[in-house]
Amino acid sequence: MAVPQITEHIAAHLRAQRQARGWSLDTMARQSGVSKAMLGQIERQESSPTIATLWKIAAGLECSFSSFLAVPPTQERPDNEAFEHDPNMQIKTLFGFSATTQFEMFEITLSEHHEQRSPPHQTGVTEHLYVLQGQLSVLSDGQWQAVSQGASYLLAADSEHGYRDDSGLTRFISVIHYPLPDFP
């Protein structure tokens, strides 16, 4: 999906999710930590969000990150979803979120010693990481942990966390697992 198509899909999905909840832009800003002005620009397709901003929006809506990258059935799935403001981070969706499995899976490539921080996801969300290439550092509980090629790491993603390329090019798999909702 080209950047204009991603921007259009993100805008439409954000607006639909916000309106389905009956939220104003003010409420959405409070829930996500993204300014009202930025949210309005994204919805009007005047601005393309960074990956970090998109994570904040998804966390605020308590929805999956991949729902913002879902490819309509009439379009071909891209090899990599790239964001114009994050040239050193590429995300390839391997499995989009499924309510049946409660997970989504990505292949993430970081380059040029890029560091990416992510806001907390909803309570109980975990990320299962596996390093395919390079050296990854993972920020968890305020500490950076080195994860070598061929190693895995279980991350509690319901607190601030991050990823850093320590080798110049790092590829890893991220499986994000969402807990089942509590029903009364």
N, C-alpha and C. Protein backbone atom coordinates (compact mmCIF):
# COMPACT_ATOMS: atom_id res chain seq x y z
N MET A 1 0.86 -1.17 0.00
CA MET A 1 0.00 0.00 0.00
C MET A 1 0.90 1.22 0.00
N ALA A 2 0.72 2.13 -0.92
CA ALA A 2 1.53 3.33 -1.00
C ALA A 2 1.20 4.26 0.16
N VAL A 3 2.11 5.20 0.45
CA VAL A 3 1.93 6.12 1.57
C VAL A 3 0.59 6.86 1.49
N PRO A 4 0.16 7.40 0.30
CA PRO A 4 -1.14 8.07 0.27
C PRO A 4 -2.29 7.14 0.63
N GLN A 5 -2.23 5.86 0.22
CA GLN A 5 -3.28 4.90 0.57
C GLN A 5 -3.26 4.60 2.06
N ILE A 6 -2.09 4.48 2.65
CA ILE A 6 -1.98 4.25 4.09
C ILE A 6 -2.57 5.44 4.83
N THR A 7 -2.21 6.66 4.41
CA THR A 7 -2.70 7.87 5.06
C THR A 7 -4.23 7.93 4.98
N GLU A 8 -4.78 7.60 3.82
CA GLU A 8 -6.23 7.61 3.63
C GLU A 8 -6.90 6.58 4.53
N HIS A 9 -6.34 5.37 4.57
CA HIS A 9 -6.92 4.31 5.40
C HIS A 9 -6.83 4.66 6.88
N ILE A 10 -5.70 5.18 7.32
CA ILE A 10 -5.53 5.56 8.72
C ILE A 10 -6.55 6.62 9.10
N ALA A 11 -6.71 7.63 8.24
CA ALA A 11 -7.66 8.71 8.50
C ALA A 11 -9.08 8.16 8.66
N ALA A 12 -9.49 7.33 7.72
CA ALA A 12 -10.84 6.77 7.75
C ALA A 12 -11.05 5.88 8.97
N HIS A 13 -10.05 5.06 9.28
CA HIS A 13 -10.18 4.14 10.43
C HIS A 13 -10.23 4.92 11.74
N LEU A 14 -9.38 5.93 11.88
CA LEU A 14 -9.38 6.76 13.09
C LEU A 14 -10.74 7.42 13.27
N ARG A 15 -11.24 8.05 12.23
CA ARG A 15 -12.53 8.74 12.30
C ARG A 15 -13.65 7.75 12.67
N ALA A 16 -13.66 6.59 12.02
CA ALA A 16 -14.71 5.59 12.28
C ALA A 16 -14.64 5.08 13.72
N GLN A 17 -13.45 4.78 14.20
CA GLN A 17 -13.30 4.28 15.57
C GLN A 17 -13.70 5.34 16.60
N ARG A 18 -13.29 6.57 16.36
CA ARG A 18 -13.61 7.67 17.27
C ARG A 18 -15.12 7.91 17.29
N GLN A 19 -15.74 7.97 16.12
CA GLN A 19 -17.18 8.23 16.04
C GLN A 19 -18.00 7.07 16.60
N ALA A 20 -17.52 5.85 16.42
CA ALA A 20 -18.24 4.68 16.96
C ALA A 20 -18.32 4.74 18.48
N ARG A 21 -17.35 5.38 19.10
CA ARG A 21 -17.34 5.53 20.55
C ARG A 21 -18.07 6.81 20.99
N GLY A 22 -18.45 7.64 20.02
CA GLY A 22 -19.09 8.90 20.34
C GLY A 22 -18.12 9.92 20.93
N TRP A 23 -16.83 9.78 20.58
CA TRP A 23 -15.80 10.66 21.13
C TRP A 23 -15.58 11.89 20.25
N SER A 24 -15.39 13.01 20.89
CA SER A 24 -14.95 14.22 20.19
C SER A 24 -13.44 14.11 20.00
N LEU A 25 -12.88 15.05 19.23
CA LEU A 25 -11.42 15.08 19.11
C LEU A 25 -10.77 15.37 20.46
N ASP A 26 -11.43 16.18 21.30
CA ASP A 26 -10.90 16.47 22.65
C ASP A 26 -10.79 15.18 23.47
N THR A 27 -11.85 14.38 23.44
CA THR A 27 -11.84 13.12 24.20
C THR A 27 -10.78 12.18 23.65
N MET A 28 -10.68 12.09 22.33
CA MET A 28 -9.68 11.24 21.71
C MET A 28 -8.28 11.69 22.11
N ALA A 29 -8.06 13.00 22.16
CA ALA A 29 -6.75 13.53 22.55
C ALA A 29 -6.41 13.13 23.99
N ARG A 30 -7.39 13.22 24.89
CA ARG A 30 -7.16 12.83 26.29
C ARG A 30 -6.86 11.35 26.40
N GLN A 31 -7.58 10.52 25.64
CA GLN A 31 -7.40 9.08 25.72
C GLN A 31 -6.07 8.60 25.14
N SER A 32 -5.58 9.30 24.13
CA SER A 32 -4.38 8.83 23.42
C SER A 32 -3.10 9.57 23.77
N GLY A 33 -3.24 10.79 24.27
CA GLY A 33 -2.04 11.60 24.50
C GLY A 33 -1.52 12.26 23.23
N VAL A 34 -2.31 12.21 22.16
CA VAL A 34 -1.99 12.87 20.89
C VAL A 34 -2.83 14.13 20.83
N SER A 35 -2.23 15.24 20.45
CA SER A 35 -2.94 16.52 20.47
C SER A 35 -4.16 16.51 19.56
N LYS A 36 -5.15 17.32 19.94
CA LYS A 36 -6.37 17.48 19.14
C LYS A 36 -6.01 17.96 17.74
N ALA A 37 -5.07 18.91 17.66
CA ALA A 37 -4.66 19.44 16.36
C ALA A 37 -4.08 18.34 15.47
N MET A 38 -3.21 17.50 16.03
CA MET A 38 -2.61 16.42 15.25
C MET A 38 -3.67 15.41 14.82
N LEU A 39 -4.58 15.05 15.71
CA LEU A 39 -5.65 14.11 15.36
C LEU A 39 -6.50 14.65 14.21
N GLY A 40 -6.82 15.94 14.28
CA GLY A 40 -7.59 16.57 13.21
C GLY A 40 -6.84 16.54 11.89
N GLN A 41 -5.53 16.81 11.93
CA GLN A 41 -4.71 16.78 10.72
C GLN A 41 -4.67 15.37 10.13
N ILE A 42 -4.59 14.36 10.99
CA ILE A 42 -4.56 12.97 10.51
C ILE A 42 -5.90 12.64 9.86
N GLU A 43 -7.00 12.99 10.51
CA GLU A 43 -8.32 12.68 9.96
C GLU A 43 -8.57 13.40 8.64
N ARG A 44 -8.02 14.61 8.48
CA ARG A 44 -8.19 15.37 7.24
C ARG A 44 -7.12 15.00 6.20
N GLN A 45 -6.26 14.07 6.53
CA GLN A 45 -5.17 13.61 5.66
C GLN A 45 -4.19 14.73 5.34
N GLU A 46 -4.04 15.65 6.27
CA GLU A 46 -3.06 16.73 6.11
C GLU A 46 -1.72 16.34 6.70
N SER A 47 -1.72 15.26 7.49
CA SER A 47 -0.50 14.80 8.13
C SER A 47 -0.54 13.27 8.18
N SER A 48 0.62 12.67 7.98
CA SER A 48 0.76 11.23 8.10
C SER A 48 1.41 10.96 9.46
N PRO A 49 0.79 10.14 10.30
CA PRO A 49 1.35 9.93 11.64
C PRO A 49 2.64 9.10 11.62
N THR A 50 3.48 9.37 12.60
CA THR A 50 4.64 8.52 12.79
C THR A 50 4.16 7.19 13.39
N ILE A 51 5.01 6.23 13.41
CA ILE A 51 4.66 4.94 14.01
C ILE A 51 4.36 5.13 15.49
N ALA A 52 5.16 5.95 16.17
CA ALA A 52 4.94 6.20 17.61
C ALA A 52 3.57 6.83 17.85
N THR A 53 3.18 7.78 17.01
CA THR A 53 1.88 8.42 17.15
C THR A 53 0.76 7.42 16.90
N LEU A 54 0.94 6.57 15.89
CA LEU A 54 -0.08 5.57 15.59
C LEU A 54 -0.24 4.57 16.74
N TRP A 55 0.87 4.20 17.39
CA TRP A 55 0.78 3.31 18.55
C TRP A 55 -0.01 3.99 19.67
N LYS A 56 0.22 5.29 19.89
CA LYS A 56 -0.52 6.02 20.92
C LYS A 56 -2.02 6.03 20.61
N ILE A 57 -2.35 6.26 19.35
CA ILE A 57 -3.75 6.29 18.96
C ILE A 57 -4.39 4.92 19.17
N ALA A 58 -3.72 3.86 18.73
CA ALA A 58 -4.25 2.50 18.90
C ALA A 58 -4.43 2.18 20.39
N ALA A 59 -3.46 2.56 21.21
CA ALA A 59 -3.56 2.30 22.65
C ALA A 59 -4.72 3.09 23.25
N GLY A 60 -4.89 4.34 22.84
CA GLY A 60 -5.99 5.16 23.34
C GLY A 60 -7.35 4.59 22.98
N LEU A 61 -7.45 4.02 21.80
CA LEU A 61 -8.70 3.41 21.35
C LEU A 61 -8.86 1.98 21.86
N GLU A 62 -7.80 1.44 22.45
CA GLU A 62 -7.75 0.05 22.89
C GLU A 62 -8.11 -0.88 21.72
N CYS A 63 -7.42 -0.63 20.60
CA CYS A 63 -7.60 -1.49 19.43
C CYS A 63 -6.21 -1.89 18.93
N SER A 64 -6.19 -2.78 18.00
CA SER A 64 -4.91 -3.28 17.51
C SER A 64 -4.24 -2.28 16.58
N PHE A 65 -2.93 -2.29 16.59
CA PHE A 65 -2.13 -1.46 15.69
C PHE A 65 -2.40 -1.87 14.24
N SER A 66 -2.51 -3.17 14.00
CA SER A 66 -2.67 -3.64 12.62
C SER A 66 -4.00 -3.22 12.01
N SER A 67 -4.98 -2.87 12.83
CA SER A 67 -6.25 -2.43 12.27
C SER A 67 -6.08 -1.14 11.47
N PHE A 68 -5.06 -0.37 11.77
CA PHE A 68 -4.79 0.85 11.02
C PHE A 68 -4.05 0.56 9.72
N LEU A 69 -3.52 -0.65 9.59
CA LEU A 69 -2.76 -1.01 8.40
C LEU A 69 -3.47 -2.07 7.56
N ALA A 70 -4.68 -2.43 7.96
CA ALA A 70 -5.41 -3.49 7.26
C ALA A 70 -5.58 -3.13 5.79
N VAL A 71 -5.35 -4.11 4.95
CA VAL A 71 -5.46 -3.91 3.51
C VAL A 71 -6.87 -4.28 3.07
N PRO A 72 -7.58 -3.36 2.42
CA PRO A 72 -8.90 -3.73 1.90
C PRO A 72 -8.79 -4.91 0.96
N PRO A 73 -9.81 -5.77 0.91
CA PRO A 73 -9.74 -6.99 0.10
C PRO A 73 -9.44 -6.74 -1.37
N THR A 74 -9.75 -5.56 -1.87
CA THR A 74 -9.54 -5.26 -3.29
C THR A 74 -8.11 -4.82 -3.59
N GLN A 75 -7.29 -4.67 -2.56
CA GLN A 75 -5.93 -4.19 -2.78
C GLN A 75 -4.93 -5.28 -2.44
N GLU A 76 -3.77 -5.19 -3.06
CA GLU A 76 -2.70 -6.14 -2.83
C GLU A 76 -1.96 -5.78 -1.54
N ARG A 77 -1.59 -6.80 -0.76
CA ARG A 77 -0.84 -6.57 0.47
C ARG A 77 0.57 -6.11 0.12
N PRO A 78 1.05 -5.04 0.77
CA PRO A 78 2.40 -4.55 0.48
C PRO A 78 3.46 -5.44 1.12
N ASP A 79 4.68 -5.36 0.60
CA ASP A 79 5.78 -6.08 1.22
C ASP A 79 6.12 -5.47 2.57
N ASN A 80 6.14 -4.16 2.66
CA ASN A 80 6.43 -3.45 3.90
C ASN A 80 5.55 -2.23 3.99
N GLU A 81 5.06 -1.96 5.19
CA GLU A 81 4.33 -0.73 5.42
C GLU A 81 5.36 0.28 5.93
N ALA A 82 5.58 1.32 5.16
CA ALA A 82 6.57 2.33 5.52
C ALA A 82 5.85 3.62 5.86
N PHE A 83 6.43 4.35 6.77
CA PHE A 83 5.90 5.63 7.17
C PHE A 83 6.93 6.69 6.81
N GLU A 84 6.47 7.73 6.12
CA GLU A 84 7.42 8.71 5.60
C GLU A 84 8.24 9.39 6.69
N HIS A 85 7.73 9.44 7.94
CA HIS A 85 8.47 10.10 9.01
C HIS A 85 9.39 9.14 9.77
N ASP A 86 9.34 7.87 9.45
CA ASP A 86 10.14 6.86 10.13
C ASP A 86 10.92 6.03 9.11
N PRO A 87 11.87 6.65 8.41
CA PRO A 87 12.57 5.91 7.35
C PRO A 87 13.42 4.76 7.87
N ASN A 88 13.73 4.74 9.15
CA ASN A 88 14.58 3.68 9.70
C ASN A 88 13.79 2.60 10.44
N MET A 89 12.48 2.56 10.15
CA MET A 89 11.65 1.51 10.73
C MET A 89 10.64 1.08 9.68
N GLN A 90 10.64 -0.21 9.38
CA GLN A 90 9.65 -0.78 8.47
C GLN A 90 8.90 -1.88 9.19
N ILE A 91 7.61 -1.97 8.92
CA ILE A 91 6.78 -2.99 9.54
C ILE A 91 6.09 -3.78 8.44
N LYS A 92 6.24 -5.08 8.51
CA LYS A 92 5.53 -5.97 7.59
C LYS A 92 4.52 -6.76 8.43
N THR A 93 3.25 -6.62 8.11
CA THR A 93 2.21 -7.36 8.83
C THR A 93 2.21 -8.80 8.33
N LEU A 94 2.48 -9.73 9.23
CA LEU A 94 2.45 -11.15 8.89
C LEU A 94 1.06 -11.73 9.14
N PHE A 95 0.46 -11.37 10.26
CA PHE A 95 -0.91 -11.74 10.59
C PHE A 95 -1.55 -10.53 11.24
N GLY A 96 -2.63 -10.02 10.65
CA GLY A 96 -3.38 -8.93 11.26
C GLY A 96 -4.13 -9.45 12.47
N PHE A 97 -4.61 -8.54 13.30
CA PHE A 97 -5.33 -8.94 14.50
C PHE A 97 -6.54 -9.79 14.16
N SER A 98 -6.76 -10.82 14.96
CA SER A 98 -7.93 -11.68 14.84
C SER A 98 -8.56 -11.82 16.22
N ALA A 99 -9.87 -11.59 16.30
CA ALA A 99 -10.57 -11.73 17.58
C ALA A 99 -10.55 -13.19 18.06
N THR A 100 -10.40 -14.13 17.14
CA THR A 100 -10.35 -15.54 17.51
C THR A 100 -9.04 -15.88 18.22
N THR A 101 -7.92 -15.42 17.67
CA THR A 101 -6.62 -15.76 18.24
C THR A 101 -6.13 -14.74 19.25
N GLN A 102 -6.66 -13.51 19.20
CA GLN A 102 -6.28 -12.42 20.10
C GLN A 102 -4.82 -11.98 19.92
N PHE A 103 -4.27 -12.15 18.71
CA PHE A 103 -2.91 -11.68 18.48
C PHE A 103 -2.77 -11.10 17.08
N GLU A 104 -1.67 -10.36 16.91
CA GLU A 104 -1.24 -9.88 15.60
C GLU A 104 0.27 -10.07 15.55
N MET A 105 0.81 -10.22 14.34
CA MET A 105 2.22 -10.57 14.20
C MET A 105 2.85 -9.71 13.12
N PHE A 106 4.03 -9.16 13.45
CA PHE A 106 4.75 -8.28 12.55
C PHE A 106 6.20 -8.71 12.40
N GLU A 107 6.78 -8.41 11.25
CA GLU A 107 8.23 -8.45 11.08
C GLU A 107 8.66 -6.99 11.05
N ILE A 108 9.54 -6.62 11.96
CA ILE A 108 9.97 -5.22 12.09
C ILE A 108 11.45 -5.13 11.75
N THR A 109 11.78 -4.15 10.94
CA THR A 109 13.17 -3.89 10.58
C THR A 109 13.54 -2.50 11.06
N LEU A 110 14.59 -2.44 11.87
CA LEU A 110 15.16 -1.17 12.33
C LEU A 110 16.53 -1.02 11.68
N SER A 111 16.87 0.20 11.27
CA SER A 111 18.18 0.43 10.67
C SER A 111 18.79 1.71 11.23
N GLU A 112 20.07 1.87 10.96
CA GLU A 112 20.80 3.09 11.34
C GLU A 112 20.72 3.38 12.84
N HIS A 113 20.73 2.33 13.66
CA HIS A 113 20.71 2.45 15.13
C HIS A 113 19.46 3.17 15.64
N HIS A 114 18.37 2.99 14.91
CA HIS A 114 17.09 3.64 15.25
C HIS A 114 16.58 3.15 16.59
N GLU A 115 16.01 4.07 17.36
CA GLU A 115 15.36 3.74 18.63
C GLU A 115 13.89 4.12 18.52
N GLN A 116 13.03 3.19 18.87
CA GLN A 116 11.58 3.43 18.80
C GLN A 116 10.97 3.16 20.17
N ARG A 117 10.28 4.15 20.72
CA ARG A 117 9.60 3.96 22.00
C ARG A 117 8.11 3.85 21.74
N SER A 118 7.46 3.05 22.56
CA SER A 118 6.03 2.81 22.40
C SER A 118 5.32 3.09 23.71
N PRO A 119 4.17 3.75 23.64
CA PRO A 119 3.39 3.96 24.87
C PRO A 119 2.79 2.64 25.33
N PRO A 120 2.31 2.60 26.56
CA PRO A 120 1.70 1.36 27.05
C PRO A 120 0.48 0.96 26.24
N HIS A 121 0.36 -0.33 26.00
CA HIS A 121 -0.86 -0.88 25.41
C HIS A 121 -1.82 -1.13 26.57
N GLN A 122 -3.02 -1.62 26.27
CA GLN A 122 -3.97 -1.87 27.34
C GLN A 122 -3.45 -2.94 28.31
N THR A 123 -4.02 -2.99 29.49
CA THR A 123 -3.59 -3.89 30.55
C THR A 123 -3.58 -5.34 30.07
N GLY A 124 -2.48 -6.03 30.36
CA GLY A 124 -2.37 -7.45 30.05
C GLY A 124 -1.78 -7.78 28.70
N VAL A 125 -1.49 -6.77 27.87
CA VAL A 125 -0.93 -7.03 26.54
C VAL A 125 0.54 -7.44 26.69
N THR A 126 0.93 -8.48 25.96
CA THR A 126 2.32 -8.92 25.95
C THR A 126 2.83 -8.92 24.51
N GLU A 127 4.14 -8.76 24.38
CA GLU A 127 4.80 -8.87 23.08
C GLU A 127 5.84 -9.97 23.18
N HIS A 128 5.79 -10.88 22.24
CA HIS A 128 6.75 -11.97 22.16
C HIS A 128 7.68 -11.61 21.00
N LEU A 129 8.95 -11.38 21.30
CA LEU A 129 9.91 -10.93 20.30
C LEU A 129 10.90 -12.04 19.97
N TYR A 130 11.28 -12.12 18.70
CA TYR A 130 12.30 -13.06 18.27
C TYR A 130 13.19 -12.35 17.26
N VAL A 131 14.50 -12.30 17.54
CA VAL A 131 15.44 -11.57 16.68
C VAL A 131 15.92 -12.46 15.55
N LEU A 132 15.62 -12.03 14.32
CA LEU A 132 16.02 -12.76 13.12
C LEU A 132 17.43 -12.39 12.66
N GLN A 133 17.79 -11.12 12.84
CA GLN A 133 19.06 -10.61 12.33
C GLN A 133 19.49 -9.42 13.18
N GLY A 134 20.76 -9.34 13.48
CA GLY A 134 21.30 -8.18 14.18
C GLY A 134 21.23 -8.30 15.69
N GLN A 135 21.33 -7.15 16.34
CA GLN A 135 21.33 -7.06 17.81
C GLN A 135 20.25 -6.05 18.21
N LEU A 136 19.28 -6.51 18.97
CA LEU A 136 18.17 -5.68 19.43
C LEU A 136 18.33 -5.40 20.90
N SER A 137 18.03 -4.17 21.30
CA SER A 137 17.88 -3.87 22.72
C SER A 137 16.43 -3.54 22.95
N VAL A 138 15.89 -4.03 24.07
CA VAL A 138 14.48 -3.85 24.40
C VAL A 138 14.40 -3.07 25.71
N LEU A 139 13.61 -2.00 25.71
CA LEU A 139 13.37 -1.21 26.92
C LEU A 139 12.18 -1.81 27.65
N SER A 140 12.42 -2.26 28.86
CA SER A 140 11.37 -2.86 29.69
C SER A 140 11.64 -2.49 31.13
N ASP A 141 10.63 -2.02 31.84
CA ASP A 141 10.78 -1.59 33.23
C ASP A 141 11.90 -0.57 33.40
N GLY A 142 12.06 0.31 32.42
CA GLY A 142 13.06 1.37 32.50
C GLY A 142 14.49 0.94 32.24
N GLN A 143 14.70 -0.33 31.88
CA GLN A 143 16.03 -0.86 31.63
C GLN A 143 16.13 -1.39 30.21
N TRP A 144 17.28 -1.18 29.58
CA TRP A 144 17.52 -1.74 28.25
C TRP A 144 18.11 -3.14 28.41
N GLN A 145 17.55 -4.11 27.70
CA GLN A 145 18.01 -5.50 27.72
C GLN A 145 18.47 -5.88 26.32
N ALA A 146 19.68 -6.44 26.20
CA ALA A 146 20.19 -6.87 24.90
C ALA A 146 19.58 -8.22 24.53
N VAL A 147 19.14 -8.33 23.27
CA VAL A 147 18.59 -9.58 22.75
C VAL A 147 19.31 -9.88 21.44
N SER A 148 20.08 -10.95 21.42
CA SER A 148 20.92 -11.30 20.27
C SER A 148 20.13 -12.04 19.20
N GLN A 149 20.72 -12.12 18.02
CA GLN A 149 20.15 -12.87 16.92
C GLN A 149 19.87 -14.30 17.37
N GLY A 150 18.68 -14.80 17.07
CA GLY A 150 18.29 -16.16 17.44
C GLY A 150 17.70 -16.27 18.84
N ALA A 151 17.63 -15.15 19.56
CA ALA A 151 17.09 -15.18 20.92
C ALA A 151 15.69 -14.57 20.94
N SER A 152 14.95 -14.91 22.00
CA SER A 152 13.60 -14.38 22.16
C SER A 152 13.50 -13.60 23.46
N TYR A 153 12.41 -12.80 23.56
CA TYR A 153 12.20 -11.97 24.73
C TYR A 153 10.70 -11.78 24.91
N LEU A 154 10.21 -11.96 26.13
CA LEU A 154 8.80 -11.72 26.44
C LEU A 154 8.70 -10.37 27.15
N LEU A 155 7.91 -9.49 26.57
CA LEU A 155 7.81 -8.11 27.03
C LEU A 155 6.40 -7.83 27.53
N ALA A 156 6.29 -7.28 28.73
CA ALA A 156 5.01 -6.78 29.23
C ALA A 156 4.78 -5.44 28.54
N ALA A 157 3.86 -5.40 27.59
CA ALA A 157 3.68 -4.21 26.75
C ALA A 157 2.64 -3.25 27.32
N ASP A 158 2.19 -3.49 28.55
CA ASP A 158 1.23 -2.57 29.15
C ASP A 158 1.90 -1.49 29.98
N SER A 159 3.20 -1.32 29.74
CA SER A 159 3.94 -0.18 30.29
C SER A 159 4.81 0.36 29.16
N GLU A 160 5.37 1.56 29.35
CA GLU A 160 6.19 2.13 28.29
C GLU A 160 7.31 1.15 27.95
N HIS A 161 7.58 1.00 26.66
CA HIS A 161 8.62 0.07 26.23
C HIS A 161 9.24 0.60 24.94
N GLY A 162 10.32 -0.04 24.50
CA GLY A 162 10.97 0.43 23.29
C GLY A 162 11.89 -0.61 22.69
N TYR A 163 12.36 -0.28 21.49
CA TYR A 163 13.25 -1.16 20.73
C TYR A 163 14.38 -0.31 20.16
N ARG A 164 15.57 -0.87 20.11
CA ARG A 164 16.71 -0.14 19.55
C ARG A 164 17.58 -1.08 18.73
N ASP A 165 17.93 -0.63 17.54
CA ASP A 165 18.85 -1.36 16.67
C ASP A 165 20.26 -1.06 17.14
N ASP A 166 20.97 -2.07 17.63
CA ASP A 166 22.34 -1.89 18.12
C ASP A 166 23.39 -2.34 17.13
N SER A 167 22.98 -2.80 15.94
CA SER A 167 23.97 -3.34 15.00
C SER A 167 23.96 -2.66 13.64
N GLY A 168 23.11 -1.67 13.44
CA GLY A 168 23.03 -0.99 12.14
C GLY A 168 21.90 -1.51 11.28
N LEU A 169 21.49 -2.76 11.51
CA LEU A 169 20.32 -3.34 10.84
C LEU A 169 19.84 -4.52 11.69
N THR A 170 18.62 -4.41 12.18
CA THR A 170 18.06 -5.46 13.02
C THR A 170 16.65 -5.80 12.52
N ARG A 171 16.40 -7.08 12.34
CA ARG A 171 15.08 -7.58 11.97
C ARG A 171 14.58 -8.49 13.08
N PHE A 172 13.31 -8.30 13.45
CA PHE A 172 12.76 -9.17 14.49
C PHE A 172 11.26 -9.37 14.26
N ILE A 173 10.77 -10.44 14.85
CA ILE A 173 9.35 -10.77 14.83
C ILE A 173 8.74 -10.27 16.13
N SER A 174 7.59 -9.65 16.03
CA SER A 174 6.84 -9.22 17.21
C SER A 174 5.44 -9.82 17.13
N VAL A 175 5.10 -10.64 18.11
CA VAL A 175 3.75 -11.18 18.23
C VAL A 175 3.12 -10.47 19.43
N ILE A 176 2.09 -9.69 19.15
CA ILE A 176 1.40 -8.94 20.20
C ILE A 176 0.14 -9.70 20.56
N HIS A 177 0.06 -10.07 21.83
CA HIS A 177 -1.08 -10.84 22.32
C HIS A 177 -1.94 -9.95 23.21
N TYR A 178 -3.22 -9.90 22.89
CA TYR A 178 -4.19 -9.10 23.65
C TYR A 178 -5.00 -10.04 24.52
N PRO A 179 -5.21 -9.68 25.80
CA PRO A 179 -6.00 -10.55 26.67
C PRO A 179 -7.46 -10.56 26.24
N LEU A 180 -8.15 -11.63 26.57
CA LEU A 180 -9.58 -11.70 26.29
C LEU A 180 -10.29 -10.65 27.14
N PRO A 181 -11.30 -10.00 26.57
CA PRO A 181 -12.03 -9.00 27.36
C PRO A 181 -12.79 -9.67 28.51
N ASP A 182 -12.92 -8.93 29.60
CA ASP A 182 -13.70 -9.43 30.74
C ASP A 182 -15.18 -9.21 30.46
N PHE A 183 -15.95 -10.26 30.61
CA PHE A 183 -17.38 -10.14 30.42
C PHE A 183 -18.07 -10.28 31.78
N PRO A 184 -19.07 -9.45 32.04
CA PRO A 184 -19.77 -9.55 33.34
C PRO A 184 -20.54 -10.84 33.47
